[in-house]
Amino acid sequence: CWVCWCVGCVWLWFFLGGLGVHKFYLKQAVMGVVMLVLWIGGIILSATLIGALIGVPMLIAWIVLWIIDACTMPNRINELNGVVAVAPTRPM
């Protein structure tokens, strides 16, 4: 059901967006790994003064990606549903 798919993805985006889980759910593993690295790397590097010069921009990049995902997620879900809907089935 399309509504279940959409609601599930939004929940993943909101609660586990830092880990990029919603990207894996939408079959975008590379971007999921990018978001995971930006979030974890940004948190770890921000803990030190020198690392903050790298960690804070990583976290800002993650926030920008997270906001972009909020705006583009319905289109991505529709695209994925379209791919699933036209996938050929095996004859019985």
PDB file of N, CA and C in Angstrom:
ATOM      1  N   CYS A   1       0.839  -1.171   0.000  1.00  0.00           N
ATOM      2  CA  CYS A   1       0.000   0.000   0.000  1.00  0.00           C
ATOM      3  C   CYS A   1       0.888   1.240   0.000  1.00  0.00           C
ATOM      4  N   TRP A   2       0.560   2.211  -0.864  1.00  0.00           N
ATOM      5  CA  TRP A   2       1.392   3.387  -1.056  1.00  0.00           C
ATOM      6  C   TRP A   2       1.475   4.220   0.209  1.00  0.00           C
ATOM      7  N   VAL A   3       0.367   4.390   0.908  1.00  0.00           N
ATOM      8  CA  VAL A   3       0.353   5.213   2.116  1.00  0.00           C
ATOM      9  C   VAL A   3       1.262   4.612   3.180  1.00  0.00           C
ATOM     10  N   CYS A   4       1.226   3.295   3.338  1.00  0.00           N
ATOM     11  CA  CYS A   4       2.084   2.638   4.324  1.00  0.00           C
ATOM     12  C   CYS A   4       3.551   2.851   3.981  1.00  0.00           C
ATOM     13  N   TRP A   5       3.876   2.727   2.687  1.00  0.00           N
ATOM     14  CA  TRP A   5       5.254   2.912   2.222  1.00  0.00           C
ATOM     15  C   TRP A   5       5.718   4.329   2.541  1.00  0.00           C
ATOM     16  N   CYS A   6       4.873   5.319   2.267  1.00  0.00           N
ATOM     17  CA  CYS A   6       5.213   6.724   2.472  1.00  0.00           C
ATOM     18  C   CYS A   6       5.362   7.041   3.962  1.00  0.00           C
ATOM     19  N   VAL A   7       4.423   6.602   4.756  1.00  0.00           N
ATOM     20  CA  VAL A   7       4.462   6.863   6.194  1.00  0.00           C
ATOM     21  C   VAL A   7       5.682   6.185   6.820  1.00  0.00           C
ATOM     22  N   GLY A   8       5.968   4.957   6.406  1.00  0.00           N
ATOM     23  CA  GLY A   8       7.129   4.251   6.939  1.00  0.00           C
ATOM     24  C   GLY A   8       8.423   4.972   6.616  1.00  0.00           C
ATOM     25  N   CYS A   9       8.526   5.476   5.413  1.00  0.00           N
ATOM     26  CA  CYS A   9       9.738   6.182   5.013  1.00  0.00           C
ATOM     27  C   CYS A   9       9.882   7.500   5.778  1.00  0.00           C
ATOM     28  N   VAL A  10       8.786   8.210   5.986  1.00  0.00           N
ATOM     29  CA  VAL A  10       8.838   9.469   6.735  1.00  0.00           C
ATOM     30  C   VAL A  10       9.247   9.203   8.183  1.00  0.00           C
ATOM     31  N   TRP A  11       8.731   8.154   8.772  1.00  0.00           N
ATOM     32  CA  TRP A  11       9.128   7.812  10.140  1.00  0.00           C
ATOM     33  C   TRP A  11      10.624   7.505  10.202  1.00  0.00           C
ATOM     34  N   LEU A  12      11.097   6.736   9.236  1.00  0.00           N
ATOM     35  CA  LEU A  12      12.533   6.432   9.193  1.00  0.00           C
ATOM     36  C   LEU A  12      13.347   7.700   9.006  1.00  0.00           C
ATOM     37  N   TRP A  13      12.896   8.590   8.129  1.00  0.00           N
ATOM     38  CA  TRP A  13      13.602   9.840   7.877  1.00  0.00           C
ATOM     39  C   TRP A  13      13.673  10.679   9.150  1.00  0.00           C
ATOM     40  N   PHE A  14      12.554  10.793   9.855  1.00  0.00           N
ATOM     41  CA  PHE A  14      12.511  11.665  11.026  1.00  0.00           C
ATOM     42  C   PHE A  14      13.314  11.105  12.196  1.00  0.00           C
ATOM     43  N   PHE A  15      13.142   9.822  12.489  1.00  0.00           N
ATOM     44  CA  PHE A  15      13.772   9.264  13.686  1.00  0.00           C
ATOM     45  C   PHE A  15      15.164   8.683  13.446  1.00  0.00           C
ATOM     46  N   LEU A  16      15.434   8.164  12.272  1.00  0.00           N
ATOM     47  CA  LEU A  16      16.734   7.552  11.993  1.00  0.00           C
ATOM     48  C   LEU A  16      17.434   8.212  10.809  1.00  0.00           C
ATOM     49  N   GLY A  17      17.040   9.439  10.498  1.00  0.00           N
ATOM     50  CA  GLY A  17      17.615  10.148   9.363  1.00  0.00           C
ATOM     51  C   GLY A  17      19.109  10.362   9.485  1.00  0.00           C
ATOM     52  N   GLY A  18      19.593  10.518  10.697  1.00  0.00           N
ATOM     53  CA  GLY A  18      21.028  10.703  10.900  1.00  0.00           C
ATOM     54  C   GLY A  18      21.833   9.519  10.430  1.00  0.00           C
ATOM     55  N   LEU A  19      21.264   8.367  10.533  1.00  0.00           N
ATOM     56  CA  LEU A  19      21.960   7.157  10.104  1.00  0.00           C
ATOM     57  C   LEU A  19      21.716   6.841   8.636  1.00  0.00           C
ATOM     58  N   GLY A  20      20.874   7.609   7.974  1.00  0.00           N
ATOM     59  CA  GLY A  20      20.595   7.388   6.561  1.00  0.00           C
ATOM     60  C   GLY A  20      19.735   6.167   6.289  1.00  0.00           C
ATOM     61  N   VAL A  21      19.028   5.691   7.302  1.00  0.00           N
ATOM     62  CA  VAL A  21      18.223   4.470   7.161  1.00  0.00           C
ATOM     63  C   VAL A  21      17.153   4.634   6.081  1.00  0.00           C
ATOM     64  N   HIS A  22      16.565   5.818   5.987  1.00  0.00           N
ATOM     65  CA  HIS A  22      15.524   6.031   4.973  1.00  0.00           C
ATOM     66  C   HIS A  22      16.088   5.890   3.567  1.00  0.00           C
ATOM     67  N   LYS A  23      17.353   6.201   3.380  1.00  0.00           N
ATOM     68  CA  LYS A  23      17.983   6.043   2.058  1.00  0.00           C
ATOM     69  C   LYS A  23      18.104   4.564   1.694  1.00  0.00           C
ATOM     70  N   PHE A  24      18.469   3.742   2.661  1.00  0.00           N
ATOM     71  CA  PHE A  24      18.541   2.303   2.399  1.00  0.00           C
ATOM     72  C   PHE A  24      17.147   1.754   2.090  1.00  0.00           C
ATOM     73  N   TYR A  25      16.141   2.271   2.783  1.00  0.00           N
ATOM     74  CA  TYR A  25      14.758   1.864   2.568  1.00  0.00           C
ATOM     75  C   TYR A  25      14.293   2.206   1.151  1.00  0.00           C
ATOM     76  N   LEU A  26      14.813   3.336   0.618  1.00  0.00           N
ATOM     77  CA  LEU A  26      14.466   3.768  -0.736  1.00  0.00           C
ATOM     78  C   LEU A  26      15.433   3.228  -1.786  1.00  0.00           C
ATOM     79  N   LYS A  27      16.237   2.246  -1.392  1.00  0.00           N
ATOM     80  CA  LYS A  27      17.179   1.584  -2.300  1.00  0.00           C
ATOM     81  C   LYS A  27      18.222   2.551  -2.861  1.00  0.00           C
ATOM     82  N   GLN A  28      18.692   3.468  -2.006  1.00  0.00           N
ATOM     83  CA  GLN A  28      19.752   4.412  -2.358  1.00  0.00           C
ATOM     84  C   GLN A  28      20.892   4.224  -1.357  1.00  0.00           C
ATOM     85  N   ALA A  29      21.549   3.071  -1.456  1.00  0.00           N
ATOM     86  CA  ALA A  29      22.546   2.688  -0.459  1.00  0.00           C
ATOM     87  C   ALA A  29      23.743   3.634  -0.427  1.00  0.00           C
ATOM     88  N   VAL A  30      24.186   4.120  -1.568  1.00  0.00           N
ATOM     89  CA  VAL A  30      25.356   4.999  -1.587  1.00  0.00           C
ATOM     90  C   VAL A  30      25.082   6.271  -0.795  1.00  0.00           C
ATOM     91  N   MET A  31      23.925   6.892  -1.031  1.00  0.00           N
ATOM     92  CA  MET A  31      23.583   8.099  -0.274  1.00  0.00           C
ATOM     93  C   MET A  31      23.342   7.788   1.197  1.00  0.00           C
ATOM     94  N   GLY A  32      22.861   6.590   1.488  1.00  0.00           N
ATOM     95  CA  GLY A  32      22.714   6.181   2.884  1.00  0.00           C
ATOM     96  C   GLY A  32      24.059   6.126   3.586  1.00  0.00           C
ATOM     97  N   VAL A  33      25.054   5.586   2.912  1.00  0.00           N
ATOM     98  CA  VAL A  33      26.404   5.520   3.488  1.00  0.00           C
ATOM     99  C   VAL A  33      26.974   6.927   3.631  1.00  0.00           C
ATOM    100  N   VAL A  34      26.749   7.791   2.642  1.00  0.00           N
ATOM    101  CA  VAL A  34      27.243   9.173   2.724  1.00  0.00           C
ATOM    102  C   VAL A  34      26.654   9.874   3.937  1.00  0.00           C
ATOM    103  N   MET A  35      25.350   9.746   4.132  1.00  0.00           N
ATOM    104  CA  MET A  35      24.715  10.393   5.287  1.00  0.00           C
ATOM    105  C   MET A  35      25.223   9.810   6.599  1.00  0.00           C
ATOM    106  N   LEU A  36      25.421   8.508   6.628  1.00  0.00           N
ATOM    107  CA  LEU A  36      25.936   7.860   7.832  1.00  0.00           C
ATOM    108  C   LEU A  36      27.332   8.375   8.170  1.00  0.00           C
ATOM    109  N   VAL A  37      28.198   8.460   7.169  1.00  0.00           N
ATOM    110  CA  VAL A  37      29.572   8.931   7.395  1.00  0.00           C
ATOM    111  C   VAL A  37      29.575  10.401   7.813  1.00  0.00           C
ATOM    112  N   LEU A  38      28.762  11.229   7.161  1.00  0.00           N
ATOM    113  CA  LEU A  38      28.703  12.643   7.532  1.00  0.00           C
ATOM    114  C   LEU A  38      28.236  12.824   8.971  1.00  0.00           C
ATOM    115  N   TRP A  39      27.224  12.065   9.368  1.00  0.00           N
ATOM    116  CA  TRP A  39      26.673  12.226  10.711  1.00  0.00           C
ATOM    117  C   TRP A  39      27.630  11.712  11.777  1.00  0.00           C
ATOM    118  N   ILE A  40      28.084  10.478  11.630  1.00  0.00           N
ATOM    119  CA  ILE A  40      28.979   9.898  12.639  1.00  0.00           C
ATOM    120  C   ILE A  40      30.311  10.634  12.646  1.00  0.00           C
ATOM    121  N   GLY A  41      30.873  10.896  11.458  1.00  0.00           N
ATOM    122  CA  GLY A  41      32.137  11.625  11.383  1.00  0.00           C
ATOM    123  C   GLY A  41      32.028  13.020  11.963  1.00  0.00           C
ATOM    124  N   GLY A  42      30.933  13.700  11.663  1.00  0.00           N
ATOM    125  CA  GLY A  42      30.733  15.043  12.196  1.00  0.00           C
ATOM    126  C   GLY A  42      30.622  15.058  13.705  1.00  0.00           C
ATOM    127  N   ILE A  43      29.914  14.102  14.271  1.00  0.00           N
ATOM    128  CA  ILE A  43      29.772  14.019  15.728  1.00  0.00           C
ATOM    129  C   ILE A  43      31.122  13.736  16.381  1.00  0.00           C
ATOM    130  N   ILE A  44      31.839  12.763  15.855  1.00  0.00           N
ATOM    131  CA  ILE A  44      33.122  12.377  16.451  1.00  0.00           C
ATOM    132  C   ILE A  44      34.140  13.507  16.318  1.00  0.00           C
ATOM    133  N   LEU A  45      34.243  14.093  15.130  1.00  0.00           N
ATOM    134  CA  LEU A  45      35.237  15.145  14.924  1.00  0.00           C
ATOM    135  C   LEU A  45      34.891  16.431  15.667  1.00  0.00           C
ATOM    136  N   SER A  46      33.632  16.701  15.885  1.00  0.00           N
ATOM    137  CA  SER A  46      33.232  17.917  16.592  1.00  0.00           C
ATOM    138  C   SER A  46      33.583  17.871  18.073  1.00  0.00           C
ATOM    139  N   ALA A  47      33.940  16.717  18.570  1.00  0.00           N
ATOM    140  CA  ALA A  47      34.262  16.574  19.993  1.00  0.00           C
ATOM    141  C   ALA A  47      35.600  17.227  20.344  1.00  0.00           C
ATOM    142  N   THR A  48      36.466  17.457  19.376  1.00  0.00           N
ATOM    143  CA  THR A  48      37.750  18.103  19.643  1.00  0.00           C
ATOM    144  C   THR A  48      37.770  19.479  18.995  1.00  0.00           C
ATOM    145  N   LEU A  49      38.600  20.362  19.514  1.00  0.00           N
ATOM    146  CA  LEU A  49      38.650  21.726  19.003  1.00  0.00           C
ATOM    147  C   LEU A  49      39.155  21.768  17.565  1.00  0.00           C
ATOM    148  N   ILE A  50      40.222  21.071  17.279  1.00  0.00           N
ATOM    149  CA  ILE A  50      40.770  21.058  15.918  1.00  0.00           C
ATOM    150  C   ILE A  50      39.840  20.290  14.978  1.00  0.00           C
ATOM    151  N   GLY A  51      39.288  19.194  15.445  1.00  0.00           N
ATOM    152  CA  GLY A  51      38.379  18.403  14.627  1.00  0.00           C
ATOM    153  C   GLY A  51      37.093  19.131  14.300  1.00  0.00           C
ATOM    154  N   ALA A  52      36.748  20.124  15.120  1.00  0.00           N
ATOM    155  CA  ALA A  52      35.521  20.878  14.883  1.00  0.00           C
ATOM    156  C   ALA A  52      35.587  21.637  13.560  1.00  0.00           C
ATOM    157  N   LEU A  53      36.793  21.967  13.109  1.00  0.00           N
ATOM    158  CA  LEU A  53      36.942  22.652  11.821  1.00  0.00           C
ATOM    159  C   LEU A  53      36.482  21.774  10.671  1.00  0.00           C
ATOM    160  N   ILE A  54      36.544  20.467  10.851  1.00  0.00           N
ATOM    161  CA  ILE A  54      36.072  19.528   9.833  1.00  0.00           C
ATOM    162  C   ILE A  54      34.696  18.987  10.206  1.00  0.00           C
ATOM    163  N   GLY A  55      34.501  18.712  11.486  1.00  0.00           N
ATOM    164  CA  GLY A  55      33.259  18.093  11.950  1.00  0.00           C
ATOM    165  C   GLY A  55      32.029  18.960  11.780  1.00  0.00           C
ATOM    166  N   VAL A  56      32.153  20.252  12.076  1.00  0.00           N
ATOM    167  CA  VAL A  56      30.993  21.141  11.964  1.00  0.00           C
ATOM    168  C   VAL A  56      30.538  21.276  10.505  1.00  0.00           C
ATOM    169  N   PRO A  57      31.447  21.481   9.536  1.00  0.00           N
ATOM    170  CA  PRO A  57      30.981  21.494   8.139  1.00  0.00           C
ATOM    171  C   PRO A  57      30.355  20.164   7.704  1.00  0.00           C
ATOM    172  N   MET A  58      30.849  19.052   8.246  1.00  0.00           N
ATOM    173  CA  MET A  58      30.239  17.758   7.925  1.00  0.00           C
ATOM    174  C   MET A  58      28.804  17.717   8.433  1.00  0.00           C
ATOM    175  N   LEU A  59      28.583  18.214   9.642  1.00  0.00           N
ATOM    176  CA  LEU A  59      27.232  18.223  10.201  1.00  0.00           C
ATOM    177  C   LEU A  59      26.322  19.179   9.431  1.00  0.00           C
ATOM    178  N   ILE A  60      26.871  20.310   8.978  1.00  0.00           N
ATOM    179  CA  ILE A  60      26.076  21.243   8.181  1.00  0.00           C
ATOM    180  C   ILE A  60      25.680  20.593   6.860  1.00  0.00           C
ATOM    181  N   ALA A  61      26.614  19.884   6.224  1.00  0.00           N
ATOM    182  CA  ALA A  61      26.301  19.172   4.979  1.00  0.00           C
ATOM    183  C   ALA A  61      25.231  18.124   5.219  1.00  0.00           C
ATOM    184  N   TRP A  62      25.320  17.427   6.364  1.00  0.00           N
ATOM    185  CA  TRP A  62      24.303  16.423   6.695  1.00  0.00           C
ATOM    186  C   TRP A  62      22.936  17.069   6.874  1.00  0.00           C
ATOM    187  N   ILE A  63      22.878  18.215   7.551  1.00  0.00           N
ATOM    188  CA  ILE A  63      21.606  18.912   7.770  1.00  0.00           C
ATOM    189  C   ILE A  63      20.997  19.330   6.432  1.00  0.00           C
ATOM    190  N   VAL A  64      21.832  19.844   5.527  1.00  0.00           N
ATOM    191  CA  VAL A  64      21.335  20.248   4.211  1.00  0.00           C
ATOM    192  C   VAL A  64      20.748  19.039   3.474  1.00  0.00           C
ATOM    193  N   LEU A  65      21.456  17.913   3.490  1.00  0.00           N
ATOM    194  CA  LEU A  65      20.945  16.699   2.836  1.00  0.00           C
ATOM    195  C   LEU A  65      19.642  16.228   3.486  1.00  0.00           C
ATOM    196  N   TRP A  66      19.566  16.327   4.798  1.00  0.00           N
ATOM    197  CA  TRP A  66      18.383  15.884   5.535  1.00  0.00           C
ATOM    198  C   TRP A  66      17.165  16.732   5.147  1.00  0.00           C
ATOM    199  N   ILE A  67      17.375  18.046   5.002  1.00  0.00           N
ATOM    200  CA  ILE A  67      16.281  18.946   4.613  1.00  0.00           C
ATOM    201  C   ILE A  67      15.881  18.700   3.156  1.00  0.00           C
ATOM    202  N   ILE A  68      16.871  18.501   2.293  1.00  0.00           N
ATOM    203  CA  ILE A  68      16.568  18.191   0.889  1.00  0.00           C
ATOM    204  C   ILE A  68      15.744  16.910   0.799  1.00  0.00           C
ATOM    205  N   ASP A  69      16.093  15.923   1.604  1.00  0.00           N
ATOM    206  CA  ASP A  69      15.326  14.672   1.613  1.00  0.00           C
ATOM    207  C   ASP A  69      13.879  14.904   2.011  1.00  0.00           C
ATOM    208  N   ALA A  70      13.645  15.809   2.952  1.00  0.00           N
ATOM    209  CA  ALA A  70      12.275  16.101   3.373  1.00  0.00           C
ATOM    210  C   ALA A  70      11.449  16.637   2.213  1.00  0.00           C
ATOM    211  N   CYS A  71      12.087  17.403   1.347  1.00  0.00           N
ATOM    212  CA  CYS A  71      11.375  18.006   0.216  1.00  0.00           C
ATOM    213  C   CYS A  71      11.214  17.053  -0.967  1.00  0.00           C
ATOM    214  N   THR A  72      12.146  16.139  -1.137  1.00  0.00           N
ATOM    215  CA  THR A  72      12.136  15.289  -2.330  1.00  0.00           C
ATOM    216  C   THR A  72      11.645  13.863  -2.072  1.00  0.00           C
ATOM    217  N   MET A  73      11.399  13.526  -0.835  1.00  0.00           N
ATOM    218  CA  MET A  73      11.016  12.149  -0.515  1.00  0.00           C
ATOM    219  C   MET A  73       9.724  11.685  -1.199  1.00  0.00           C
ATOM    220  N   PRO A  74       8.663  12.489  -1.263  1.00  0.00           N
ATOM    221  CA  PRO A  74       7.458  12.006  -1.959  1.00  0.00           C
ATOM    222  C   PRO A  74       7.724  11.632  -3.418  1.00  0.00           C
ATOM    223  N   ASN A  75       8.527  12.424  -4.118  1.00  0.00           N
ATOM    224  CA  ASN A  75       8.847  12.095  -5.514  1.00  0.00           C
ATOM    225  C   ASN A  75       9.652  10.813  -5.610  1.00  0.00           C
ATOM    226  N   ARG A  76      10.580  10.615  -4.701  1.00  0.00           N
ATOM    227  CA  ARG A  76      11.388   9.396  -4.722  1.00  0.00           C
ATOM    228  C   ARG A  76      10.537   8.171  -4.425  1.00  0.00           C
ATOM    229  N   ILE A  77       9.600   8.316  -3.518  1.00  0.00           N
ATOM    230  CA  ILE A  77       8.704   7.196  -3.213  1.00  0.00           C
ATOM    231  C   ILE A  77       7.842   6.874  -4.429  1.00  0.00           C
ATOM    232  N   ASN A  78       7.327   7.914  -5.096  1.00  0.00           N
ATOM    233  CA  ASN A  78       6.526   7.688  -6.302  1.00  0.00           C
ATOM    234  C   ASN A  78       7.348   7.017  -7.393  1.00  0.00           C
ATOM    235  N   GLU A  79       8.592   7.447  -7.575  1.00  0.00           N
ATOM    236  CA  GLU A  79       9.464   6.825  -8.575  1.00  0.00           C
ATOM    237  C   GLU A  79       9.683   5.356  -8.254  1.00  0.00           C
ATOM    238  N   LEU A  80       9.959   5.063  -6.999  1.00  0.00           N
ATOM    239  CA  LEU A  80      10.200   3.680  -6.601  1.00  0.00           C
ATOM    240  C   LEU A  80       8.937   2.840  -6.754  1.00  0.00           C
ATOM    241  N   ASN A  81       7.794   3.400  -6.394  1.00  0.00           N
ATOM    242  CA  ASN A  81       6.533   2.675  -6.579  1.00  0.00           C
ATOM    243  C   ASN A  81       6.252   2.438  -8.049  1.00  0.00           C
ATOM    244  N   GLY A  82       6.621   3.390  -8.908  1.00  0.00           N
ATOM    245  CA  GLY A  82       6.439   3.210 -10.339  1.00  0.00           C
ATOM    246  C   GLY A  82       7.308   2.091 -10.869  1.00  0.00           C
ATOM    247  N   VAL A  83       8.531   2.002 -10.365  1.00  0.00           N
ATOM    248  CA  VAL A  83       9.436   0.926 -10.781  1.00  0.00           C
ATOM    249  C   VAL A  83       8.903  -0.409 -10.306  1.00  0.00           C
ATOM    250  N   VAL A  84       8.405  -0.459  -9.097  1.00  0.00           N
ATOM    251  CA  VAL A  84       7.848  -1.699  -8.556  1.00  0.00           C
ATOM    252  C   VAL A  84       6.579  -2.070  -9.305  1.00  0.00           C
ATOM    253  N   ALA A  85       5.756  -1.075  -9.654  1.00  0.00           N
ATOM    254  CA  ALA A  85       4.473  -1.352 -10.312  1.00  0.00           C
ATOM    255  C   ALA A  85       4.664  -1.903 -11.725  1.00  0.00           C
ATOM    256  N   VAL A  86       5.706  -1.487 -12.425  1.00  0.00           N
ATOM    257  CA  VAL A  86       5.888  -1.954 -13.792  1.00  0.00           C
ATOM    258  C   VAL A  86       6.869  -3.117 -13.889  1.00  0.00           C
ATOM    259  N   ALA A  87       7.339  -3.600 -12.761  1.00  0.00           N
ATOM    260  CA  ALA A  87       8.254  -4.747 -12.790  1.00  0.00           C
ATOM    261  C   ALA A  87       7.511  -5.954 -13.334  1.00  0.00           C
ATOM    262  N   PRO A  88       8.123  -6.665 -14.281  1.00  0.00           N
ATOM    263  CA  PRO A  88       7.446  -7.829 -14.857  1.00  0.00           C
ATOM    264  C   PRO A  88       7.265  -8.952 -13.823  1.00  0.00           C
ATOM    265  N   THR A  89       6.177  -9.635 -13.946  1.00  0.00           N
ATOM    266  CA  THR A  89       5.913 -10.760 -13.056  1.00  0.00           C
ATOM    267  C   THR A  89       6.066 -12.052 -13.843  1.00  0.00           C
ATOM    268  N   ARG A  90       6.369 -13.098 -13.146  1.00  0.00           N
ATOM    269  CA  ARG A  90       6.500 -14.407 -13.804  1.00  0.00           C
ATOM    270  C   ARG A  90       5.123 -15.031 -14.015  1.00  0.00           C
ATOM    271  N   PRO A  91       4.919 -15.633 -15.162  1.00  0.00           N
ATOM    272  CA  PRO A  91       3.622 -16.305 -15.373  1.00  0.00           C
ATOM    273  C   PRO A  91       3.520 -17.535 -14.462  1.00  0.00           C
ATOM    274  N   MET A  92       2.302 -17.828 -14.076  1.00  0.00           N
ATOM    275  CA  MET A  92       2.093 -18.963 -13.185  1.00  0.00           C
ATOM    276  C   MET A  92       1.934 -20.231 -13.945  1.00  0.00           C
TER     277      MET A  92
END
